[in-house]
Amino acid sequence: MALKVQDQSQEVQAMAQEWPIVEALLGGTAAMRKAGAQFLPKWPNEDPVSYAARLATATLFPALARTISVMSGKPFSKQLTLGDDVPANIVEWCDDADQQGDNLHSFAADLLAEALGYGLCGVLVDYPTVGDAARTRADERALGVRPYLVLIRHHQILGWQTERIGGVTRLTQLRLAETAEVPDGEFGTKCVKRVRVLTPGLFQLWEEPEKKDEEYTLVGGGVTSLPMIPFVPFYGKKKGFMCGVSPLQDLAYLNVKHWQSQSDQDTILHVARVPVLAMIGADEVGADGQGGTQLTVGGSAAVRLPKDGDLKYVEHSGAAIEAGQTSLERLEDQMVTTGAELLVMKPGDQKSATQSNNDAEGNKSDLQRIVESTEDGIDQVLQLMAAWVKLPDGGHISLFKDFGAATLTDASAQLIVTMQQAGLITKETAIREQQRRGMLAADIDPETELAAVEEQGPPLGTLGLQDPNNPGNGDGGNGQ
């Protein structure tokens, strides 16, 4: 059956099967609750009211979101560097790469986070349509018209067609979902769905009809001055051209398991905190509803029991609570370890004789390889910016990549420190996590240690760098 312009291709449908779990986890507690039984199944014979209450009180431990934030932030902990070969006007444009106030550094950081989370995204290098207002390049420069970047998120990619020429695969068609804001009455606006279809040198705009049973209609289009589609794909874990998966996919499933286990733990804690009053040896209620021991409980009430009767509270032993807490801690440790695997340096296939003589080239972490691929992609983006304005070369960029770890233990310890520095976990939690990994002595008391650090004062060499009452306004150590 032929695809319609708004339909996802089979390749996209296959990748999209993994997207809902990531979208819900990155949406936080509210999104996970909204997903309902999709990620928090009902127990057998569970009362709908009880399930609704359990769902409404469930809370998410944001392991996936924290890990993506930390991992995508590592290569941008130092400023992205533009090479000396980047033309001056492109350098200027990179200060507002998307014409929405984001410089290339911030834009690329968002791009990497999207790739790590979903496995595939891209950048469309667009150029404004100015019509008769500009007839020459000089006119365009006078109007401030120039190429800009559009971040294409995972769900916007609907499908593509390719051809292979000279051993190189290139796009011959690309369909992208987008929305447009159009007037709605005298004062309002509304968003309509559109599909942009790109081919070398041409583009089309298709719009969703008002009636659901009608087809998308062609509402616009035009020609471009480029002989190629100005789109660059970016990957988390590349599976093929325009196909990728998240390198943190396993972490996402562990995070859902933690969501479910945390709900179970909260439920058993609620049950355990409310003891059950048991009355033993009381008269039973007759078939006619009469009889039975009457019970009134209160500080000023007395209870009269039959002979050999007993009245006592039955409380939970607590064994299941302890087992559940241990299980949660193991899950949290698994999640940290799974995320930290991206930082562990691994032997890789050598690409050249020169690289075979360099251990640093052969031993890289998965994150370092992803960042290198991101560098190459951004170089292609710069080249497309240059192509729009007839420049021969767009130049190159460099990202910080010196963050590999020798072992998984080192990587997980590094991840804990980074999370604490980013404000994602407390210092006390960081100390306890390092103790669990054997990086700190088990007999260290976190509260005592933190109190001692506070009493000791700032480290040598940092005095005068910041105003302790206003850390954001330090004098930079220049004494002024």
Protein backbone atom coordinates (compact mmCIF):
# COMPACT_ATOMS: atom_id res chain seq x y z
CA MET A 1 0.00 0.00 0.00
CA ALA A 2 1.40 3.37 -1.04
CA LEU A 3 2.30 5.80 1.72
CA LYS A 4 0.52 9.11 2.08
CA VAL A 5 2.60 12.25 2.48
CA GLN A 6 1.96 12.35 6.25
CA ASP A 7 2.64 8.64 6.90
CA GLN A 8 5.72 7.29 8.63
CA SER A 9 7.86 4.93 6.58
CA GLN A 10 8.47 1.38 7.78
CA GLU A 11 11.97 2.34 8.92
CA VAL A 12 10.63 5.19 11.02
CA GLN A 13 7.83 3.02 12.44
CA ALA A 14 10.44 0.49 13.59
CA MET A 15 12.47 3.17 15.38
CA ALA A 16 9.32 4.84 16.77
CA GLN A 17 8.42 1.74 18.80
CA GLU A 18 11.07 2.77 21.35
CA TRP A 19 10.17 6.48 21.47
CA PRO A 20 7.09 6.46 23.78
CA ILE A 21 9.01 5.11 26.77
CA VAL A 22 11.70 7.81 26.42
CA GLU A 23 9.14 10.56 25.82
CA ALA A 24 7.25 9.57 28.98
CA LEU A 25 10.39 9.29 31.11
CA LEU A 26 11.71 12.65 29.93
CA GLY A 27 8.28 14.15 30.58
CA GLY A 28 8.71 13.38 34.29
CA THR A 29 6.20 12.21 36.87
CA ALA A 30 3.25 13.96 35.19
CA ALA A 31 3.87 12.24 31.85
CA MET A 32 4.36 8.82 33.48
CA ARG A 33 1.08 9.19 35.39
CA LYS A 34 -0.67 10.23 32.19
CA ALA A 35 0.60 7.06 30.49
CA GLY A 36 -1.28 5.09 33.15
CA ALA A 37 -1.35 1.31 32.73
CA GLN A 38 1.11 1.50 29.82
CA PHE A 39 3.99 1.73 32.29
CA LEU A 40 2.26 1.03 35.63
CA PRO A 41 0.11 -2.09 35.08
CA LYS A 42 -2.89 -2.84 37.27
CA TRP A 43 -2.59 -5.72 39.69
CA PRO A 44 -4.91 -8.72 39.17
CA ASN A 45 -8.40 -7.86 40.50
CA GLU A 46 -7.20 -4.43 41.64
CA ASP A 47 -10.08 -2.09 42.37
CA PRO A 48 -10.16 0.85 39.89
CA VAL A 49 -10.36 3.35 42.76
CA SER A 50 -7.32 1.78 44.46
CA TYR A 51 -5.38 1.81 41.18
CA ALA A 52 -6.25 5.45 40.55
CA ALA A 53 -5.00 6.35 44.03
CA ARG A 54 -1.80 4.35 43.52
CA LEU A 55 -1.16 6.00 40.15
CA ALA A 56 -1.87 9.49 41.52
CA THR A 57 0.78 9.10 44.24
CA ALA A 58 3.48 7.40 42.13
CA THR A 59 6.68 9.45 41.67
CA LEU A 60 9.47 9.06 39.14
CA PHE A 61 13.17 8.74 39.92
CA PRO A 62 14.49 10.66 36.85
CA ALA A 63 17.51 8.48 36.11
CA LEU A 64 17.25 8.66 32.31
CA ALA A 65 16.74 12.43 32.24
CA ARG A 66 19.65 13.00 34.63
CA THR A 67 21.97 10.73 32.65
CA ILE A 68 21.12 12.37 29.31
CA SER A 69 21.67 15.79 30.90
CA VAL A 70 25.07 14.79 32.26
CA MET A 71 26.25 12.91 29.16
CA SER A 72 25.17 15.57 26.68
CA GLY A 73 26.75 18.23 28.90
CA LYS A 74 30.21 16.63 29.09
CA PRO A 75 31.47 17.65 25.62
CA PHE A 76 30.02 21.13 26.19
CA SER A 77 31.60 21.66 29.60
CA LYS A 78 34.15 23.61 27.57
CA GLN A 79 33.24 26.02 24.81
CA LEU A 80 32.82 24.64 21.30
CA THR A 81 35.80 25.79 19.24
CA LEU A 82 35.45 27.14 15.72
CA GLY A 83 38.47 26.41 13.55
CA ASP A 84 40.57 29.10 11.89
CA ASP A 85 39.19 27.84 8.56
CA VAL A 86 35.60 28.90 9.36
CA PRO A 87 34.72 31.97 7.23
CA ALA A 88 34.20 35.20 9.15
CA ASN A 89 30.54 35.61 8.19
CA ILE A 90 29.73 32.03 9.33
CA VAL A 91 31.52 32.75 12.63
CA GLU A 92 29.21 35.74 13.04
CA TRP A 93 26.12 33.68 12.18
CA CYS A 94 27.07 31.03 14.75
CA ASP A 95 26.40 33.58 17.52
CA ASP A 96 22.71 33.16 16.62
CA ALA A 97 22.76 29.84 14.79
CA ASP A 98 18.99 29.25 14.70
CA GLN A 99 17.90 32.90 14.54
CA GLN A 100 16.12 32.30 17.85
CA GLY A 101 18.95 33.47 20.10
CA ASP A 102 20.86 30.18 20.48
CA ASN A 103 24.53 30.16 19.57
CA LEU A 104 26.10 27.10 17.94
CA HIS A 105 27.38 25.81 21.30
CA SER A 106 23.91 25.75 22.90
CA PHE A 107 22.27 24.49 19.71
CA ALA A 108 24.71 21.58 19.44
CA ALA A 109 24.20 20.66 23.10
CA ASP A 110 20.43 20.35 22.54
CA LEU A 111 21.14 18.38 19.39
CA LEU A 112 23.31 15.85 21.23
CA ALA A 113 20.73 15.44 24.01
CA GLU A 114 18.07 14.63 21.40
CA ALA A 115 20.36 12.09 19.70
CA LEU A 116 21.27 10.39 22.98
CA GLY A 117 17.64 10.17 24.03
CA TYR A 118 16.04 8.95 20.82
CA GLY A 119 18.83 7.75 18.57
CA LEU A 120 18.06 9.97 15.57
CA CYS A 121 17.51 13.64 14.86
CA GLY A 122 18.90 16.11 12.38
CA VAL A 123 19.68 19.65 11.30
CA LEU A 124 18.01 21.38 8.37
CA VAL A 125 20.12 24.25 7.06
CA ASP A 126 17.43 26.59 5.78
CA TYR A 127 17.49 29.88 3.90
CA PRO A 128 14.70 32.49 3.95
CA THR A 129 12.57 33.03 0.88
CA VAL A 130 12.72 36.74 0.02
CA GLY A 131 11.10 36.81 -3.42
CA ASP A 132 11.47 40.01 -5.43
CA ALA A 133 12.81 41.93 -2.43
CA ALA A 134 16.29 40.66 -3.20
CA ARG A 135 17.57 40.06 -6.71
CA THR A 136 21.27 39.74 -5.91
CA ARG A 137 23.50 38.47 -3.09
CA ALA A 138 24.22 42.08 -2.23
CA ASP A 139 20.49 42.71 -1.80
CA GLU A 140 20.23 39.68 0.49
CA ARG A 141 23.15 40.86 2.61
CA ALA A 142 21.57 44.30 2.90
CA LEU A 143 18.33 42.68 4.13
CA GLY A 144 20.21 40.51 6.61
CA VAL A 145 19.14 37.31 4.84
CA ARG A 146 21.40 34.37 5.63
CA PRO A 147 21.32 30.61 6.27
CA TYR A 148 20.18 29.38 9.68
CA LEU A 149 19.81 26.06 11.49
CA VAL A 150 16.61 24.19 12.34
CA LEU A 151 16.77 21.34 14.85
CA ILE A 152 14.68 18.47 13.47
CA ARG A 153 13.56 16.28 16.35
CA HIS A 154 13.02 12.53 16.18
CA HIS A 155 9.24 12.61 15.69
CA GLN A 156 9.44 15.10 12.81
CA ILE A 157 11.22 12.66 10.49
CA LEU A 158 8.53 10.83 8.49
CA GLY A 159 10.49 9.12 5.73
CA TRP A 160 13.09 9.44 2.99
CA GLN A 161 14.40 8.09 -0.30
CA THR A 162 18.07 7.66 -1.21
CA GLU A 163 20.42 6.89 -4.05
CA ARG A 164 24.03 5.72 -4.02
CA ILE A 165 26.43 7.49 -6.36
CA GLY A 166 30.17 6.83 -6.36
CA GLY A 167 29.89 4.81 -3.14
CA VAL A 168 28.17 7.69 -1.32
CA THR A 169 24.57 7.49 -0.08
CA ARG A 170 22.63 10.73 -0.48
CA LEU A 171 19.06 11.80 0.11
CA THR A 172 16.81 12.22 -2.92
CA GLN A 173 13.66 12.92 -0.87
CA LEU A 174 12.96 13.80 2.75
CA ARG A 175 9.59 14.30 4.47
CA LEU A 176 9.47 16.34 7.68
CA ALA A 177 6.48 17.01 9.95
CA GLU A 178 6.06 20.56 11.20
CA THR A 179 3.39 22.90 12.54
CA ALA A 180 2.44 26.38 11.42
CA GLU A 181 0.64 29.08 13.36
CA VAL A 182 -2.18 30.62 11.34
CA PRO A 183 -4.83 33.27 12.16
CA ASP A 184 -8.03 32.04 13.78
CA GLY A 185 -10.67 34.73 13.71
CA GLU A 186 -9.99 38.37 14.41
CA PHE A 187 -7.74 37.89 17.44
CA GLY A 188 -6.81 34.23 17.82
CA THR A 189 -4.34 31.86 16.26
CA LYS A 190 -4.24 28.09 15.83
CA CYS A 191 -1.63 25.52 14.89
CA VAL A 192 -2.05 23.38 11.78
CA LYS A 193 -0.04 20.31 10.85
CA ARG A 194 2.10 20.43 7.76
CA VAL A 195 4.56 18.20 5.95
CA ARG A 196 7.61 19.64 4.20
CA VAL A 197 8.81 17.50 1.29
CA LEU A 198 12.38 18.21 0.21
CA THR A 199 14.08 17.08 -2.99
CA PRO A 200 17.34 18.40 -4.48
CA GLY A 201 16.58 21.95 -5.62
CA LEU A 202 12.87 21.84 -4.67
CA PHE A 203 10.52 21.89 -1.69
CA GLN A 204 6.77 21.41 -1.15
CA LEU A 205 4.44 22.22 1.75
CA TRP A 206 1.42 20.00 2.41
CA GLU A 207 -1.24 20.91 4.98
CA GLU A 208 -3.66 18.87 7.07
CA PRO A 209 -7.31 19.35 6.04
CA GLU A 210 -9.95 20.60 8.45
CA LYS A 211 -12.03 17.46 7.88
CA LYS A 212 -10.37 14.25 9.02
CA ASP A 213 -11.58 12.17 6.08
CA GLU A 214 -9.90 14.43 3.51
CA GLU A 215 -6.35 14.25 2.17
CA TYR A 216 -3.46 16.62 2.87
CA THR A 217 -3.37 19.37 0.25
CA LEU A 218 -0.41 21.08 -1.40
CA VAL A 219 -0.33 24.67 -0.13
CA GLY A 220 3.11 25.92 -1.17
CA GLY A 221 6.52 25.17 -2.56
CA GLY A 222 9.39 26.50 -4.59
CA VAL A 223 12.92 26.03 -5.81
CA THR A 224 16.23 26.28 -3.98
CA SER A 225 19.69 27.10 -5.25
CA LEU A 226 21.25 23.92 -3.83
CA PRO A 227 21.73 20.70 -5.80
CA MET A 228 21.27 18.67 -2.61
CA ILE A 229 18.87 18.40 0.32
CA PRO A 230 20.35 20.65 3.07
CA PHE A 231 19.84 18.14 5.87
CA VAL A 232 22.38 16.38 8.12
CA PRO A 233 21.33 13.38 10.27
CA PHE A 234 22.73 12.90 13.80
CA TYR A 235 22.75 9.60 15.64
CA GLY A 236 22.91 8.21 19.15
CA LYS A 237 23.88 4.69 18.15
CA LYS A 238 23.95 4.45 14.36
CA LYS A 239 22.35 1.37 12.80
CA GLY A 240 22.47 2.54 9.20
CA PHE A 241 21.92 5.63 7.07
CA MET A 242 19.07 7.60 8.71
CA CYS A 243 18.54 4.79 11.26
CA GLY A 244 19.64 4.96 14.90
CA VAL A 245 18.71 3.90 18.41
CA SER A 246 19.37 5.45 21.79
CA PRO A 247 22.57 4.19 23.47
CA LEU A 248 20.63 4.56 26.75
CA GLN A 249 17.75 2.30 25.71
CA ASP A 250 18.47 -0.29 28.42
CA LEU A 251 18.58 2.47 31.02
CA ALA A 252 15.10 3.58 29.94
CA TYR A 253 13.70 0.09 30.62
CA LEU A 254 15.42 -0.05 34.00
CA ASN A 255 13.94 3.36 34.81
CA VAL A 256 10.43 2.06 34.07
CA LYS A 257 11.11 -0.97 36.24
CA HIS A 258 12.14 1.39 39.04
CA TRP A 259 8.91 3.39 38.52
CA GLN A 260 6.90 0.21 39.00
CA SER A 261 8.97 -1.07 41.92
CA GLN A 262 8.85 2.32 43.66
CA SER A 263 5.05 2.25 43.42
CA ASP A 264 4.99 -1.22 44.99
CA GLN A 265 7.28 -0.01 47.77
CA ASP A 266 5.16 3.05 48.46
CA THR A 267 2.06 0.89 48.63
CA ILE A 268 3.51 -1.60 51.10
CA LEU A 269 4.82 1.28 53.23
CA HIS A 270 1.33 2.76 53.32
CA VAL A 271 -0.13 -0.57 54.39
CA ALA A 272 2.57 -1.16 56.99
CA ARG A 273 2.10 2.27 58.59
CA VAL A 274 -1.58 1.57 59.31
CA PRO A 275 -1.88 -1.32 61.83
CA VAL A 276 -4.99 -3.51 61.67
CA LEU A 277 -7.10 -3.88 64.82
CA ALA A 278 -7.95 -7.57 65.34
CA MET A 279 -10.60 -8.80 67.78
CA ILE A 280 -10.28 -12.48 68.66
CA GLY A 281 -13.12 -14.50 70.17
CA ALA A 282 -15.82 -11.92 69.49
CA ASP A 283 -19.40 -12.97 68.89
CA GLU A 284 -20.27 -13.35 65.24
CA VAL A 285 -23.08 -11.48 63.58
CA GLY A 286 -26.10 -13.70 62.99
CA ALA A 287 -27.80 -14.39 59.68
CA ASP A 288 -30.43 -11.84 60.59
CA GLY A 289 -27.76 -9.19 61.05
CA GLN A 290 -28.24 -9.09 64.76
CA GLY A 291 -25.80 -9.82 67.54
CA GLY A 292 -22.05 -9.50 67.38
CA THR A 293 -19.73 -7.69 69.73
CA GLN A 294 -20.06 -3.92 69.52
CA LEU A 295 -16.72 -2.14 69.31
CA THR A 296 -15.93 1.48 70.08
CA VAL A 297 -12.28 2.57 69.96
CA GLY A 298 -11.07 5.79 71.56
CA GLY A 299 -9.18 7.31 74.45
CA SER A 300 -12.34 7.51 76.62
CA ALA A 301 -13.96 4.25 75.52
CA ALA A 302 -13.87 0.83 77.17
CA VAL A 303 -14.21 -2.42 75.28
CA ARG A 304 -16.06 -5.40 76.72
CA LEU A 305 -14.86 -8.70 75.33
CA PRO A 306 -16.32 -12.18 75.77
CA LYS A 307 -14.51 -14.78 77.83
CA ASP A 308 -11.12 -15.76 76.34
CA GLY A 309 -11.44 -12.90 73.85
CA ASP A 310 -8.51 -10.73 72.82
CA LEU A 311 -8.03 -7.37 71.16
CA LYS A 312 -4.75 -6.29 69.58
CA TYR A 313 -3.18 -4.45 66.68
CA VAL A 314 -1.60 -6.59 63.96
CA GLU A 315 1.39 -4.89 62.37
CA HIS A 316 3.57 -5.65 59.36
CA SER A 317 6.82 -7.45 60.15
CA GLY A 318 8.82 -5.09 57.92
CA ALA A 319 10.73 -7.87 56.13
CA ALA A 320 9.10 -7.11 52.78
CA ILE A 321 9.79 -3.40 53.24
CA GLU A 322 13.50 -4.01 53.75
CA ALA A 323 13.63 -6.40 50.79
CA GLY A 324 11.86 -3.84 48.60
CA GLN A 325 14.24 -1.06 49.64
CA THR A 326 17.23 -3.27 48.89
CA SER A 327 15.77 -4.04 45.46
CA LEU A 328 15.29 -0.33 44.72
CA GLU A 329 18.87 0.46 45.72
CA ARG A 330 20.16 -2.29 43.44
CA LEU A 331 18.06 -0.92 40.60
CA GLU A 332 19.42 2.58 41.15
CA ASP A 333 22.95 1.18 41.15
CA GLN A 334 22.20 -0.68 37.90
CA MET A 335 20.92 2.52 36.32
CA VAL A 336 24.04 4.48 37.28
CA THR A 337 26.24 1.65 36.00
CA THR A 338 24.32 1.38 32.72
CA GLY A 339 24.64 5.12 32.11
CA ALA A 340 28.30 5.12 33.10
CA GLU A 341 29.13 2.50 30.46
CA LEU A 342 29.09 5.30 27.88
CA LEU A 343 32.20 6.73 29.55
CA VAL A 344 34.28 3.53 29.67
CA MET A 345 37.10 3.45 27.13
CA LYS A 346 37.00 0.36 24.91
CA PRO A 347 39.31 -0.96 22.20
CA GLY A 348 38.00 -0.09 18.75
CA ASP A 349 38.71 -0.97 15.16
CA GLN A 350 41.71 0.93 13.83
CA LYS A 351 40.93 3.03 10.78
CA SER A 352 44.44 3.71 9.54
CA ALA A 353 48.07 2.82 10.02
CA THR A 354 48.58 6.13 11.76
CA GLN A 355 45.82 5.38 14.25
CA SER A 356 47.20 1.90 14.95
CA ASN A 357 50.26 3.59 16.39
CA ASN A 358 48.16 5.69 18.72
CA ASP A 359 46.51 3.92 21.66
CA ALA A 360 44.41 6.99 22.38
CA GLU A 361 42.76 6.63 18.97
CA GLY A 362 42.04 2.93 19.46
CA ASN A 363 40.72 3.14 23.01
CA LYS A 364 37.72 5.42 23.22
CA SER A 365 34.45 5.41 25.10
CA ASP A 366 31.12 5.14 23.30
CA LEU A 367 30.37 8.74 24.24
CA GLN A 368 33.66 9.91 22.74
CA ARG A 369 32.81 8.14 19.49
CA ILE A 370 29.33 9.71 19.46
CA VAL A 371 30.87 13.15 20.05
CA GLU A 372 33.33 12.61 17.19
CA SER A 373 30.41 11.73 14.93
CA THR A 374 28.63 14.88 16.14
CA GLU A 375 31.71 16.93 15.25
CA ASP A 376 31.68 15.50 11.72
CA GLY A 377 27.97 16.27 11.40
CA ILE A 378 28.39 19.88 12.51
CA ASP A 379 31.22 20.25 9.98
CA GLN A 380 28.72 19.17 7.30
CA VAL A 381 26.25 21.74 8.64
CA LEU A 382 28.87 24.49 8.28
CA GLN A 383 29.57 23.30 4.74
CA LEU A 384 25.87 23.61 3.87
CA MET A 385 25.81 27.13 5.33
CA ALA A 386 28.75 27.94 3.06
CA ALA A 387 27.01 26.37 0.05
CA TRP A 388 23.97 28.62 0.49
CA VAL A 389 26.14 31.73 0.06
CA LYS A 390 28.50 30.27 -2.56
CA LEU A 391 31.53 29.93 -0.27
CA PRO A 392 33.96 27.09 -1.07
CA ASP A 393 34.43 25.80 2.48
CA GLY A 394 32.56 26.07 5.79
CA GLY A 395 35.46 25.01 8.02
CA HIS A 396 35.57 22.75 11.07
CA ILE A 397 34.71 22.73 14.77
CA SER A 398 36.15 20.96 17.80
CA LEU A 399 34.37 19.61 20.89
CA PHE A 400 35.84 18.65 24.26
CA LYS A 401 36.37 14.87 24.39
CA ASP A 402 38.77 14.25 27.28
CA PHE A 403 36.27 12.53 29.58
CA GLY A 404 36.86 8.79 29.13
CA ALA A 405 37.27 6.45 32.12
CA ALA A 406 39.48 3.38 32.33
CA THR A 407 37.01 1.13 34.18
CA LEU A 408 33.28 0.93 34.83
CA THR A 409 33.89 1.68 38.51
CA ASP A 410 35.78 4.85 37.60
CA ALA A 411 33.07 5.80 35.10
CA SER A 412 30.20 5.38 37.57
CA ALA A 413 32.15 7.31 40.24
CA GLN A 414 32.77 10.08 37.70
CA LEU A 415 29.06 10.15 36.81
CA ILE A 416 28.10 10.52 40.49
CA VAL A 417 30.47 13.47 40.92
CA THR A 418 29.15 15.14 37.77
CA MET A 419 25.55 14.69 38.91
CA GLN A 420 26.35 16.31 42.25
CA GLN A 421 28.17 19.21 40.60
CA ALA A 422 25.20 19.73 38.29
CA GLY A 423 22.86 19.91 41.28
CA LEU A 424 21.05 16.67 40.35
CA ILE A 425 21.87 14.92 43.64
CA THR A 426 22.98 16.14 47.08
CA LYS A 427 26.53 15.97 48.42
CA GLU A 428 25.38 13.49 51.06
CA THR A 429 23.94 11.19 48.40
CA ALA A 430 27.16 11.49 46.39
CA ILE A 431 29.23 10.39 49.41
CA ARG A 432 26.96 7.41 50.07
CA GLU A 433 27.07 6.36 46.42
CA GLN A 434 30.88 6.55 46.39
CA GLN A 435 30.94 4.41 49.55
CA ARG A 436 28.80 1.79 47.86
CA ARG A 437 31.32 1.69 45.00
CA GLY A 438 34.28 1.32 47.33
CA MET A 439 35.70 4.70 46.36
CA LEU A 440 35.38 5.96 49.96
CA ALA A 441 35.78 4.15 53.27
CA ALA A 442 32.53 2.60 54.53
CA ASP A 443 32.97 4.03 58.07
CA ILE A 444 32.80 7.67 56.88
CA ASP A 445 29.68 9.39 58.17
CA PRO A 446 28.42 11.71 55.38
CA GLU A 447 26.88 14.26 57.73
CA THR A 448 30.02 14.47 59.87
CA GLU A 449 32.21 14.71 56.77
CA LEU A 450 30.15 17.52 55.25
CA ALA A 451 30.17 19.42 58.56
CA ALA A 452 33.96 19.09 58.69
CA VAL A 453 34.27 20.36 55.11
CA GLU A 454 32.10 23.35 55.97
CA GLU A 455 34.25 24.11 59.03
CA GLN A 456 37.46 23.71 57.05
CA GLY A 457 36.43 26.40 54.56
CA PRO A 458 37.06 26.69 50.80
CA PRO A 459 40.01 24.87 49.19
CA LEU A 460 43.35 26.63 48.89
CA GLY A 461 43.59 28.68 45.73
CA THR A 462 39.88 29.49 45.59
CA LEU A 463 39.86 32.23 48.23
CA GLY A 464 38.72 35.51 46.76
CA LEU A 465 37.28 33.89 43.65
CA GLN A 466 33.72 34.31 44.86
CA ASP A 467 31.73 36.32 47.29
CA PRO A 468 30.41 33.72 49.77
CA ASN A 469 27.22 35.73 50.17
CA ASN A 470 26.74 36.04 46.41
CA PRO A 471 28.51 33.20 44.55
CA GLY A 472 27.37 34.43 41.16
CA ASN A 473 29.22 37.74 41.43
CA GLY A 474 32.81 36.78 42.16
CA ASP A 475 35.63 39.11 41.25
CA GLY A 476 37.42 36.44 39.22
CA GLY A 477 40.44 36.61 41.49
CA ASN A 478 41.67 39.88 40.08
CA GLY A 479 41.36 41.78 43.35
CA GLN A 480 39.08 44.43 41.88
